[in-house]
Amino acid sequence: MGCSGNFTFEQLVSRYAEPGAILSNDVSLYTCSLGGWLTGIDFNLKPASEEWAWLGPYLASPELRPAVVVLLLEFLQYDPLKGDYHRRMHEHYVNRWDQYLEETADNLAKAREHLRVDQFFAGDVFDFYQANDRCETVFVSFMPTYAGGYERLYKKLAQAVSWNEPTYSLLDDERRDEIYDWITARDYVIYDDRELDLPLVFIDRKGGSARDVFMYSNLDLPRAMLDKHRNMAPSPWKFVGPEDEITPKTRIDFLAVESKVINYYREMFLSKDIAFVDGQLSLLVFADGKLFGFLIFNLAKFGGAKSGAVYMLSDFVVPYSRYARLSKLLLFLVTTTTIKQTLEEKFWNRFKTVYTTAFTDKPVSMKYRGVFDLVKRGEGFLNYSAELGTRTIKGALTEWTQKFGKKLTASWTR
């Protein structure tokens, strides 16, 4: 397995097959720390500077090294400090470092019980393949799909921990194709985000802006359609229907729920081509006690706490109402002082702006137009933003009613 990453392939083969041996490879500090731990290789991990000297005792322990690296990847999201939220999270991890490290080490030990790696090679993936060119070998590849991917992903980690780094050539499309030309003369399983002229086994349709992943192989593998499991929980609320009227006097309520609850409605109302990503805050929106809207927010995009912005991952409404522009009401409500306060209480940070993305090739999104401002037009997507806290709930209802509330859906007028 070239470019092992999280050892996902190795975990699957360890559980469900009986290979003669599993040989793994990678070049990142993250994967090499795990590979060294699994096979007894010491990559001489040490603090990279005086700032990180406190990691020394932990890195000196062969059993703790991989847990230190895994936990650091999470901890370094909040370093350098970018605002009050990052400072609080940074302090939280520092104060509970030993506790989290012990938990991480325990989780790795449990995973190790079902993970077999017989040999690990830290170095160039082509060198690794060529060194194991035997007739009984199956070559598996899921190489980085953009040049310098590892280097950007683990840049912060490299500033905290020094180690015996391997030498290797950067992977770009040209080098990947060179390796594929060699692999495909042998038994192989290849994953790639490009359509190639190779025997296709399956396509993993990602949806949205994510790239589809194609699996190719010359082994005797049947073509398959994969049914992805959604983490969902049915809930009992009644929907706003054609008989329900929304006015400036309508009571609006917001309810924070677990991701599995809102995923139930995403599966019900959204396209099956969309690859769901769980958000950090999921809200159900009710009109006079009946459910009509769904909101999911994240702190991850557009600078987050540093820029005073929050990202709206998803917003959608039930399709059963009498109103053709019910989605506009949901967007008006997003700009209210109530949502601003809810977001700030959840993330412990001050927010000024909400951003979102519409995936479309059209020049504008009619859904967001008039409520949000278009801030960027890209290939296949539009970025929109709006200022938070500019309306009250009553003001949002009044404005929506005057502009859109009298426009009925075609099904209702019939």
Protein backbone atom coordinates (compact mmCIF):
# COMPACT_ATOMS: atom_id res chain seq x y z
CA MET A 1 0.00 0.00 0.00
CA GLY A 2 1.63 3.22 -1.18
CA CYS A 3 0.79 6.45 0.68
CA SER A 4 -0.94 4.74 3.61
CA GLY A 5 -2.31 7.89 5.29
CA ASN A 6 -4.59 6.70 8.10
CA PHE A 7 -3.90 3.02 7.30
CA THR A 8 -7.54 2.67 6.24
CA PHE A 9 -6.79 0.04 3.60
CA GLU A 10 -4.57 -1.86 6.03
CA GLN A 11 -7.32 -1.89 8.66
CA LEU A 12 -9.84 -3.31 6.19
CA VAL A 13 -7.49 -5.99 4.87
CA SER A 14 -6.43 -6.91 8.41
CA ARG A 15 -10.06 -7.51 9.39
CA TYR A 16 -11.47 -9.14 6.27
CA ALA A 17 -8.62 -10.94 4.48
CA GLU A 18 -5.62 -13.15 5.15
CA PRO A 19 -2.74 -11.75 3.07
CA GLY A 20 0.72 -13.21 3.24
CA ALA A 21 2.01 -9.80 4.34
CA ILE A 22 0.94 -6.16 4.42
CA LEU A 23 3.63 -3.68 3.38
CA SER A 24 2.94 0.02 3.97
CA ASN A 25 4.53 3.30 2.96
CA ASP A 26 4.31 7.06 3.46
CA VAL A 27 6.42 10.16 4.04
CA SER A 28 4.41 12.37 6.45
CA LEU A 29 5.34 12.70 10.11
CA TYR A 30 1.80 11.68 11.05
CA THR A 31 1.80 8.38 9.15
CA CYS A 32 5.46 7.60 9.80
CA SER A 33 4.99 8.01 13.56
CA LEU A 34 2.18 5.45 13.39
CA GLY A 35 4.05 3.18 10.99
CA GLY A 36 7.16 3.28 13.16
CA TRP A 37 5.10 2.43 16.23
CA LEU A 38 3.48 -0.52 14.45
CA THR A 39 6.75 -1.97 13.14
CA GLY A 40 9.36 -0.89 15.71
CA ILE A 41 11.09 1.87 13.72
CA ASP A 42 12.46 4.87 15.66
CA PHE A 43 12.25 8.09 13.63
CA ASN A 44 13.94 10.08 16.42
CA LEU A 45 11.06 12.43 17.18
CA LYS A 46 12.13 15.49 19.20
CA PRO A 47 10.83 18.99 19.98
CA ALA A 48 11.61 21.25 17.02
CA SER A 49 12.34 24.33 19.17
CA GLU A 50 12.52 25.58 22.74
CA GLU A 51 8.88 26.58 22.50
CA TRP A 52 7.94 22.91 22.22
CA ALA A 53 10.54 21.57 24.68
CA TRP A 54 7.75 20.47 27.02
CA LEU A 55 6.97 17.69 24.52
CA GLY A 56 10.38 16.10 25.15
CA PRO A 57 9.39 13.64 27.92
CA TYR A 58 6.34 12.49 25.97
CA LEU A 59 8.26 11.97 22.72
CA ALA A 60 10.91 9.97 24.61
CA SER A 61 8.32 7.22 25.19
CA PRO A 62 8.00 4.84 22.19
CA GLU A 63 4.41 4.02 23.18
CA LEU A 64 3.35 7.67 23.52
CA ARG A 65 4.97 9.09 20.38
CA PRO A 66 2.13 8.35 17.96
CA ALA A 67 -0.45 9.62 20.47
CA VAL A 68 1.52 12.87 20.84
CA VAL A 69 1.49 13.42 17.06
CA VAL A 70 -2.21 12.58 16.73
CA LEU A 71 -3.16 14.89 19.60
CA LEU A 72 -0.90 17.67 18.31
CA LEU A 73 -2.78 17.71 14.99
CA GLU A 74 -5.94 18.57 16.92
CA PHE A 75 -4.23 20.95 19.35
CA LEU A 76 -2.48 22.91 16.59
CA GLN A 77 -5.82 24.03 15.15
CA TYR A 78 -5.72 26.63 17.93
CA ASP A 79 -2.08 27.67 17.55
CA PRO A 80 -1.12 30.37 16.74
CA LEU A 81 -3.82 32.13 18.70
CA LYS A 82 -6.31 34.02 16.50
CA GLY A 83 -8.88 35.29 18.98
CA ASP A 84 -10.70 34.63 22.22
CA TYR A 85 -12.07 31.30 21.04
CA HIS A 86 -8.63 30.01 20.02
CA ARG A 87 -7.10 31.22 23.29
CA ARG A 88 -9.73 29.41 25.34
CA MET A 89 -9.36 26.20 23.35
CA HIS A 90 -5.56 26.41 23.52
CA GLU A 91 -5.69 26.81 27.31
CA HIS A 92 -8.19 23.95 27.55
CA TYR A 93 -5.86 21.55 25.72
CA VAL A 94 -2.81 22.66 27.73
CA ASN A 95 -4.60 22.14 31.04
CA ARG A 96 -5.91 18.71 30.03
CA TRP A 97 -3.00 17.52 27.91
CA ASP A 98 -2.14 14.47 30.04
CA GLN A 99 -5.78 13.37 30.15
CA TYR A 100 -6.27 13.71 26.39
CA LEU A 101 -2.93 12.05 25.67
CA GLU A 102 -3.87 9.03 27.77
CA GLU A 103 -7.24 8.76 26.01
CA THR A 104 -5.58 9.06 22.59
CA ALA A 105 -3.02 6.37 23.47
CA ASP A 106 -5.83 4.06 24.64
CA ASN A 107 -7.74 4.58 21.39
CA LEU A 108 -4.64 3.81 19.32
CA ALA A 109 -3.99 0.66 21.35
CA LYS A 110 -7.55 -0.54 20.65
CA ALA A 111 -7.14 0.17 16.92
CA ARG A 112 -3.85 -1.72 16.90
CA GLU A 113 -5.64 -4.91 17.92
CA HIS A 114 -7.26 -5.01 14.47
CA LEU A 115 -4.41 -3.56 12.41
CA ARG A 116 -1.59 -5.56 10.90
CA VAL A 117 1.43 -3.97 9.21
CA ASP A 118 4.36 -6.31 8.56
CA GLN A 119 6.77 -3.75 7.08
CA PHE A 120 6.78 0.03 6.82
CA PHE A 121 8.90 2.03 4.38
CA ALA A 122 9.34 5.78 4.89
CA GLY A 123 10.29 7.21 1.52
CA ASP A 124 9.38 7.73 -2.11
CA VAL A 125 6.38 5.64 -3.12
CA PHE A 126 7.89 4.62 -6.48
CA ASP A 127 11.04 3.38 -4.74
CA PHE A 128 8.78 1.42 -2.38
CA TYR A 129 6.84 -0.21 -5.22
CA GLN A 130 9.93 -1.13 -7.22
CA ALA A 131 11.65 -2.65 -4.17
CA ASN A 132 8.70 -5.03 -3.76
CA ASP A 133 8.26 -6.08 -7.40
CA ARG A 134 7.34 -9.72 -6.89
CA CYS A 135 4.80 -11.77 -8.83
CA GLU A 136 2.53 -12.38 -5.85
CA THR A 137 2.27 -8.70 -4.92
CA VAL A 138 -0.86 -6.58 -5.40
CA PHE A 139 0.04 -2.89 -5.66
CA VAL A 140 -2.49 -0.55 -4.05
CA SER A 141 -2.40 3.21 -4.57
CA PHE A 142 -4.32 6.23 -3.31
CA MET A 143 -1.68 8.90 -3.78
CA PRO A 144 -2.19 12.62 -2.93
CA THR A 145 -4.26 14.21 -5.67
CA TYR A 146 -2.60 17.62 -5.61
CA ALA A 147 1.10 18.53 -5.49
CA GLY A 148 2.44 19.53 -2.08
CA GLY A 149 -0.65 18.26 -0.27
CA TYR A 150 1.22 16.60 2.57
CA GLU A 151 3.52 19.57 3.01
CA ARG A 152 0.64 22.03 3.49
CA LEU A 153 -1.40 19.66 5.63
CA TYR A 154 1.39 18.99 8.13
CA LYS A 155 3.22 22.32 8.03
CA LYS A 156 2.34 23.27 11.61
CA LEU A 157 3.21 19.82 12.89
CA ALA A 158 6.68 20.07 11.34
CA GLN A 159 7.22 23.34 13.24
CA ALA A 160 6.59 21.55 16.55
CA VAL A 161 8.35 18.19 16.05
CA SER A 162 11.62 17.40 14.28
CA TRP A 163 12.42 13.89 13.04
CA ASN A 164 14.43 11.84 10.58
CA GLU A 165 12.53 12.93 7.50
CA PRO A 166 12.73 10.71 4.41
CA THR A 167 13.64 12.05 0.99
CA TYR A 168 11.11 11.75 -1.83
CA SER A 169 9.91 13.38 -5.04
CA LEU A 170 6.78 15.53 -4.99
CA LEU A 171 3.77 13.89 -6.59
CA ASP A 172 1.99 15.71 -9.40
CA ASP A 173 -0.24 14.37 -12.19
CA GLU A 174 2.75 13.66 -14.43
CA ARG A 175 4.58 11.63 -11.78
CA ARG A 176 1.40 9.79 -10.79
CA ASP A 177 0.92 8.77 -14.41
CA GLU A 178 4.52 7.58 -14.59
CA ILE A 179 3.94 5.37 -11.55
CA TYR A 180 0.61 4.14 -12.94
CA ASP A 181 2.30 3.08 -16.18
CA TRP A 182 4.57 0.87 -14.10
CA ILE A 183 1.87 -0.43 -11.71
CA THR A 184 -0.64 -1.34 -14.40
CA ALA A 185 1.74 -3.90 -15.86
CA ARG A 186 1.22 -5.78 -12.58
CA ASP A 187 -1.72 -6.64 -10.31
CA TYR A 188 -3.11 -3.38 -8.98
CA VAL A 189 -5.90 -1.46 -7.25
CA ILE A 190 -5.78 2.29 -7.93
CA TYR A 191 -7.87 5.11 -6.47
CA ASP A 192 -7.79 8.46 -8.27
CA ASP A 193 -9.91 11.58 -8.64
CA ARG A 194 -9.56 11.51 -12.44
CA GLU A 195 -11.30 9.46 -15.08
CA LEU A 196 -8.59 7.21 -16.50
CA ASP A 197 -8.56 4.69 -19.32
CA LEU A 198 -8.35 1.75 -16.91
CA PRO A 199 -10.77 -1.03 -15.85
CA LEU A 200 -13.33 0.74 -13.62
CA VAL A 201 -14.65 -0.99 -10.49
CA PHE A 202 -16.69 1.77 -8.83
CA ILE A 203 -17.15 5.52 -8.51
CA ASP A 204 -17.58 7.26 -5.17
CA ARG A 205 -19.77 10.26 -6.00
CA LYS A 206 -18.93 13.01 -3.53
CA GLY A 207 -21.32 15.79 -4.57
CA GLY A 208 -20.91 19.52 -4.00
CA SER A 209 -17.40 20.84 -4.58
CA ALA A 210 -15.71 17.58 -3.57
CA ARG A 211 -14.13 15.49 -6.30
CA ASP A 212 -15.47 12.07 -7.19
CA VAL A 213 -13.11 9.17 -6.52
CA PHE A 214 -12.67 6.35 -9.04
CA MET A 215 -11.37 2.86 -8.28
CA TYR A 216 -9.58 0.92 -11.03
CA SER A 217 -8.24 -2.64 -10.95
CA ASN A 218 -7.21 -5.48 -13.23
CA LEU A 219 -8.14 -8.03 -10.56
CA ASP A 220 -11.30 -10.09 -10.93
CA LEU A 221 -13.50 -7.68 -8.96
CA PRO A 222 -17.23 -7.24 -9.63
CA ARG A 223 -18.57 -3.77 -10.27
CA ALA A 224 -20.44 -2.49 -7.24
CA MET A 225 -22.84 0.18 -6.08
CA LEU A 226 -22.16 1.32 -2.53
CA ASP A 227 -24.94 2.23 -0.10
CA LYS A 228 -23.50 4.74 2.36
CA HIS A 229 -24.75 4.64 5.92
CA ARG A 230 -26.15 7.91 7.21
CA ASN A 231 -26.03 8.64 10.93
CA MET A 232 -29.70 9.61 11.38
CA ALA A 233 -32.37 9.73 14.06
CA PRO A 234 -36.07 10.14 13.11
CA SER A 235 -37.94 12.86 15.03
CA PRO A 236 -41.66 13.50 15.62
CA TRP A 237 -42.25 17.17 14.76
CA LYS A 238 -45.06 18.22 12.43
CA PHE A 239 -44.20 20.24 9.35
CA VAL A 240 -45.60 23.56 8.20
CA GLY A 241 -48.16 22.65 5.51
CA PRO A 242 -50.35 24.31 2.88
CA GLU A 243 -52.94 25.16 5.52
CA ASP A 244 -50.49 27.13 7.69
CA GLU A 245 -50.13 30.89 7.29
CA ILE A 246 -47.05 32.83 8.37
CA THR A 247 -47.52 36.47 9.43
CA PRO A 248 -45.55 39.09 11.41
CA LYS A 249 -47.31 37.70 14.51
CA THR A 250 -46.06 34.12 13.96
CA ARG A 251 -43.95 32.75 16.82
CA ILE A 252 -40.50 31.62 15.64
CA ASP A 253 -38.47 29.16 17.71
CA PHE A 254 -35.01 27.67 17.21
CA LEU A 255 -33.96 24.30 18.60
CA ALA A 256 -30.36 23.07 18.65
CA VAL A 257 -30.16 19.35 17.85
CA GLU A 258 -27.56 16.65 17.24
CA SER A 259 -26.26 16.14 13.72
CA LYS A 260 -28.05 12.80 13.43
CA VAL A 261 -31.40 14.56 13.89
CA ILE A 262 -30.87 17.12 11.13
CA ASN A 263 -29.31 14.44 8.90
CA TYR A 264 -32.69 12.71 8.92
CA TYR A 265 -34.20 15.77 7.26
CA ARG A 266 -31.24 16.25 4.91
CA GLU A 267 -31.82 12.73 3.65
CA MET A 268 -35.54 13.46 3.31
CA PHE A 269 -35.38 16.79 1.48
CA LEU A 270 -31.95 17.24 -0.15
CA SER A 271 -30.40 15.67 -3.23
CA LYS A 272 -28.95 12.19 -2.75
CA ASP A 273 -25.83 13.37 -4.61
CA ILE A 274 -24.83 15.61 -1.71
CA ALA A 275 -22.11 14.21 0.54
CA PHE A 276 -23.22 15.16 4.04
CA VAL A 277 -20.73 16.82 6.38
CA ASP A 278 -21.74 17.23 10.00
CA GLY A 279 -21.74 20.79 11.31
CA GLN A 280 -20.83 22.17 14.70
CA LEU A 281 -24.24 23.72 15.30
CA SER A 282 -27.50 22.33 13.88
CA LEU A 283 -30.76 24.24 14.34
CA LEU A 284 -34.38 23.35 13.62
CA VAL A 285 -36.64 26.35 12.94
CA PHE A 286 -40.34 26.35 13.90
CA ALA A 287 -43.27 28.60 12.99
CA ASP A 288 -46.02 28.46 15.62
CA GLY A 289 -44.70 25.10 16.78
CA LYS A 290 -44.42 23.50 13.32
CA LEU A 291 -41.08 22.69 11.72
CA PHE A 292 -40.20 24.46 8.48
CA GLY A 293 -36.46 25.25 8.37
CA PHE A 294 -33.04 23.72 8.93
CA LEU A 295 -29.70 25.47 9.54
CA ILE A 296 -26.18 24.07 9.98
CA PHE A 297 -23.18 26.21 10.94
CA ASN A 298 -19.43 25.67 11.14
CA LEU A 299 -16.51 27.72 12.36
CA ALA A 300 -14.08 26.20 9.90
CA LYS A 301 -14.18 28.38 6.76
CA PHE A 302 -13.18 31.92 5.80
CA GLY A 303 -10.98 32.50 8.83
CA GLY A 304 -13.62 31.72 11.46
CA ALA A 305 -13.08 33.49 14.76
CA LYS A 306 -10.16 35.51 13.41
CA SER A 307 -12.32 37.37 10.89
CA GLY A 308 -15.48 37.51 12.98
CA ALA A 309 -17.22 35.27 10.45
CA VAL A 310 -19.18 32.04 10.74
CA TYR A 311 -19.91 29.63 7.89
CA MET A 312 -23.41 28.39 7.09
CA LEU A 313 -22.89 24.86 5.85
CA SER A 314 -26.50 24.21 4.88
CA ASP A 315 -29.92 25.89 4.87
CA PHE A 316 -33.13 24.39 3.53
CA VAL A 317 -36.88 24.34 4.15
CA VAL A 318 -39.76 21.89 3.91
CA PRO A 319 -41.43 21.79 0.46
CA TYR A 320 -44.99 21.50 1.73
CA SER A 321 -45.95 25.10 2.49
CA ARG A 322 -48.10 27.48 0.46
CA TYR A 323 -45.16 29.84 -0.02
CA ALA A 324 -42.89 29.82 -3.07
CA ARG A 325 -40.15 31.76 -1.25
CA LEU A 326 -40.14 30.19 2.19
CA SER A 327 -36.36 29.77 1.88
CA LYS A 328 -36.07 33.58 1.85
CA LEU A 329 -37.73 33.72 5.28
CA LEU A 330 -35.10 31.33 6.63
CA LEU A 331 -32.34 33.57 5.28
CA PHE A 332 -33.93 36.68 6.81
CA LEU A 333 -34.05 34.86 10.16
CA VAL A 334 -30.33 33.98 9.87
CA THR A 335 -29.53 37.72 9.99
CA THR A 336 -31.49 38.31 13.22
CA THR A 337 -30.10 39.25 16.62
CA THR A 338 -31.43 35.93 17.96
CA ILE A 339 -29.26 33.85 15.61
CA LYS A 340 -26.26 36.12 16.24
CA GLN A 341 -26.61 35.56 19.98
CA THR A 342 -27.09 31.81 19.51
CA LEU A 343 -23.91 31.57 17.43
CA GLU A 344 -21.86 33.64 19.86
CA GLU A 345 -23.02 31.58 22.83
CA LYS A 346 -22.22 28.34 21.01
CA PHE A 347 -18.75 29.32 19.78
CA TRP A 348 -17.81 31.79 22.54
CA ASN A 349 -16.84 34.40 20.01
CA ARG A 350 -18.08 37.68 18.52
CA PHE A 351 -19.44 37.39 15.00
CA LYS A 352 -20.23 40.07 12.44
CA THR A 353 -20.77 38.09 9.26
CA VAL A 354 -22.21 34.82 8.01
CA TYR A 355 -20.90 33.21 4.81
CA THR A 356 -22.26 30.41 2.68
CA THR A 357 -21.71 28.77 -0.72
CA ALA A 358 -24.13 28.05 -3.55
CA PHE A 359 -22.85 25.35 -5.90
CA THR A 360 -24.03 26.46 -9.34
CA ASP A 361 -22.73 27.49 -12.74
CA LYS A 362 -25.27 30.32 -12.95
CA PRO A 363 -24.11 33.94 -12.50
CA VAL A 364 -26.31 34.43 -9.41
CA SER A 365 -28.34 32.35 -6.96
CA MET A 366 -31.97 33.48 -6.85
CA LYS A 367 -32.26 31.86 -3.43
CA TYR A 368 -29.73 34.18 -1.77
CA ARG A 369 -30.22 37.22 -3.99
CA GLY A 370 -31.76 40.15 -2.13
CA VAL A 371 -30.89 38.85 1.34
CA PHE A 372 -27.22 37.91 1.09
CA ASP A 373 -24.54 39.72 -0.94
CA LEU A 374 -22.49 37.98 -3.63
CA VAL A 375 -18.82 38.24 -2.60
CA LYS A 376 -17.10 35.76 -4.91
CA ARG A 377 -17.88 33.99 -8.17
CA GLY A 378 -15.80 30.88 -8.84
CA GLU A 379 -15.88 27.90 -11.16
CA GLY A 380 -19.03 26.03 -10.19
CA PHE A 381 -19.74 28.01 -7.03
CA LEU A 382 -20.82 31.38 -5.63
CA ASN A 383 -19.92 32.71 -2.19
CA TYR A 384 -22.49 34.86 -0.41
CA SER A 385 -22.37 36.79 2.85
CA ALA A 386 -24.69 38.77 5.12
CA GLU A 387 -24.27 40.89 8.21
CA LEU A 388 -25.48 39.27 11.41
CA GLY A 389 -27.81 40.97 13.89
CA THR A 390 -29.39 43.44 11.45
CA ARG A 391 -33.00 42.38 12.08
CA THR A 392 -35.31 41.30 14.88
CA ILE A 393 -37.44 38.23 14.37
CA LYS A 394 -40.55 40.41 13.99
CA GLY A 395 -38.70 42.64 11.54
CA ALA A 396 -37.60 39.61 9.50
CA LEU A 397 -41.17 38.29 9.40
CA THR A 398 -42.56 41.69 8.39
CA GLU A 399 -40.01 42.25 5.64
CA TRP A 400 -40.45 38.75 4.24
CA THR A 401 -44.25 38.99 4.36
CA GLN A 402 -44.21 42.27 2.43
CA LYS A 403 -41.76 41.06 -0.22
CA PHE A 404 -42.40 37.33 -0.57
CA GLY A 405 -45.16 36.13 1.75
CA LYS A 406 -48.01 36.67 -0.70
CA LYS A 407 -46.43 34.62 -3.48
CA LEU A 408 -48.05 31.20 -3.43
CA THR A 409 -46.64 27.99 -4.85
CA ALA A 410 -48.17 26.59 -8.04
CA SER A 411 -49.47 23.53 -6.21
CA TRP A 412 -51.34 25.73 -3.73
CA THR A 413 -52.93 27.97 -6.38
CA ARG A 414 -54.26 24.91 -8.21
